[in-house]
């Protein structure tokens, strides 16, 4: 099984980043809501950071999966049974 953990991890971070960014955009006009963070919309900024990180992980994982799919299968050693990649 050649599951690259960057793919599901990237999907999770992308989803959380999109939700957090949407929440930050929906609450950007609330002045008192961001008073504790000195008026900085941290939901929006951290959502964008998570979104970029998630997309990067996902794309790196997909690129590696495509590289592995293009490689020829490795020959089985004597006495070894190979299943798939």
Protein backbone atom coordinates (compact mmCIF):
# COMPACT_ATOMS: atom_id res chain seq x y z
CA UNK A 1 0.00 0.00 0.00
CA UNK A 2 1.52 3.30 -1.09
CA UNK A 3 -0.58 5.81 0.82
CA UNK A 4 1.28 9.07 1.26
CA UNK A 5 0.17 10.61 4.56
CA UNK A 6 0.55 14.09 3.11
CA UNK A 7 -2.65 13.60 1.08
CA UNK A 8 -5.17 13.07 3.93
CA UNK A 9 -3.23 15.46 6.17
CA UNK A 10 -3.32 18.12 3.45
CA UNK A 11 -7.04 17.59 2.95
CA UNK A 12 -7.69 17.99 6.68
CA UNK A 13 -5.63 21.19 7.00
CA UNK A 14 -7.19 22.60 3.83
CA UNK A 15 -10.69 21.97 5.17
CA UNK A 16 -9.93 23.50 8.58
CA UNK A 17 -8.20 26.47 6.93
CA UNK A 18 -11.15 27.08 4.62
CA UNK A 19 -13.61 26.99 7.54
CA UNK A 20 -11.46 29.30 9.67
CA UNK A 21 -10.92 31.73 6.78
CA UNK A 22 -14.64 31.81 6.03
CA UNK A 23 -15.36 32.54 9.69
CA UNK A 24 -12.75 35.30 9.67
CA UNK A 25 -14.30 36.85 6.57
CA UNK A 26 -17.81 36.60 8.05
CA UNK A 27 -16.75 38.37 11.27
CA UNK A 28 -14.35 40.96 9.85
CA UNK A 29 -16.70 43.89 10.53
CA UNK A 30 -17.17 43.15 14.25
CA UNK A 31 -14.96 45.68 16.01
CA UNK A 32 -15.35 44.29 19.53
CA UNK A 33 -14.88 40.70 18.41
CA UNK A 34 -11.17 41.23 17.76
CA UNK A 35 -10.43 43.66 20.58
CA UNK A 36 -8.32 41.14 22.52
CA UNK A 37 -6.09 40.52 19.50
CA UNK A 38 -5.39 44.24 19.01
CA UNK A 39 -7.86 44.45 16.14
CA UNK A 40 -6.11 41.77 14.06
CA UNK A 41 -8.41 39.24 12.44
CA UNK A 42 -6.49 36.16 13.57
CA UNK A 43 -9.16 33.79 12.31
CA UNK A 44 -8.67 35.02 8.78
CA UNK A 45 -4.86 35.06 8.89
CA UNK A 46 -4.42 31.66 10.55
CA UNK A 47 -7.10 30.24 8.26
CA UNK A 48 -5.09 31.38 5.26
CA UNK A 49 -1.89 29.92 6.75
CA UNK A 50 -3.61 26.56 7.31
CA UNK A 51 -5.10 26.69 3.83
CA UNK A 52 -1.72 27.27 2.18
CA UNK A 53 -0.06 24.58 4.32
CA UNK A 54 -2.82 22.08 3.56
CA UNK A 55 -2.71 22.72 -0.17
CA UNK A 56 1.08 22.40 -0.16
CA UNK A 57 0.97 19.05 1.65
CA UNK A 58 -1.79 17.76 -0.62
CA UNK A 59 -0.01 18.78 -3.82
CA UNK A 60 3.32 17.32 -2.66
CA UNK A 61 1.60 14.04 -1.82
CA UNK A 62 -0.18 13.90 -5.18
CA UNK A 63 3.07 14.65 -7.01
CA UNK A 64 4.80 11.78 -5.23
CA UNK A 65 1.92 9.41 -5.99
CA UNK A 66 2.22 10.27 -9.70
CA UNK A 67 5.98 9.68 -9.57
CA UNK A 68 5.48 6.27 -7.97
CA UNK A 69 2.82 5.32 -10.52
CA UNK A 70 5.16 6.08 -13.42
CA UNK A 71 7.99 3.89 -12.08
CA UNK A 72 8.27 0.34 -13.41
CA UNK A 73 7.44 -2.38 -10.86
CA UNK A 74 10.40 -3.74 -8.91
CA UNK A 75 11.33 -7.35 -9.67
CA UNK A 76 10.48 -9.83 -6.94
CA UNK A 77 13.37 -11.59 -5.26
CA UNK A 78 13.56 -15.35 -5.35
CA UNK A 79 10.91 -16.90 -3.13
CA UNK A 80 9.12 -13.57 -2.53
CA UNK A 81 5.50 -12.99 -3.54
CA UNK A 82 4.80 -9.43 -4.73
CA UNK A 83 1.33 -7.92 -4.59
CA UNK A 84 0.88 -4.59 -6.40
CA UNK A 85 3.57 -1.91 -5.85
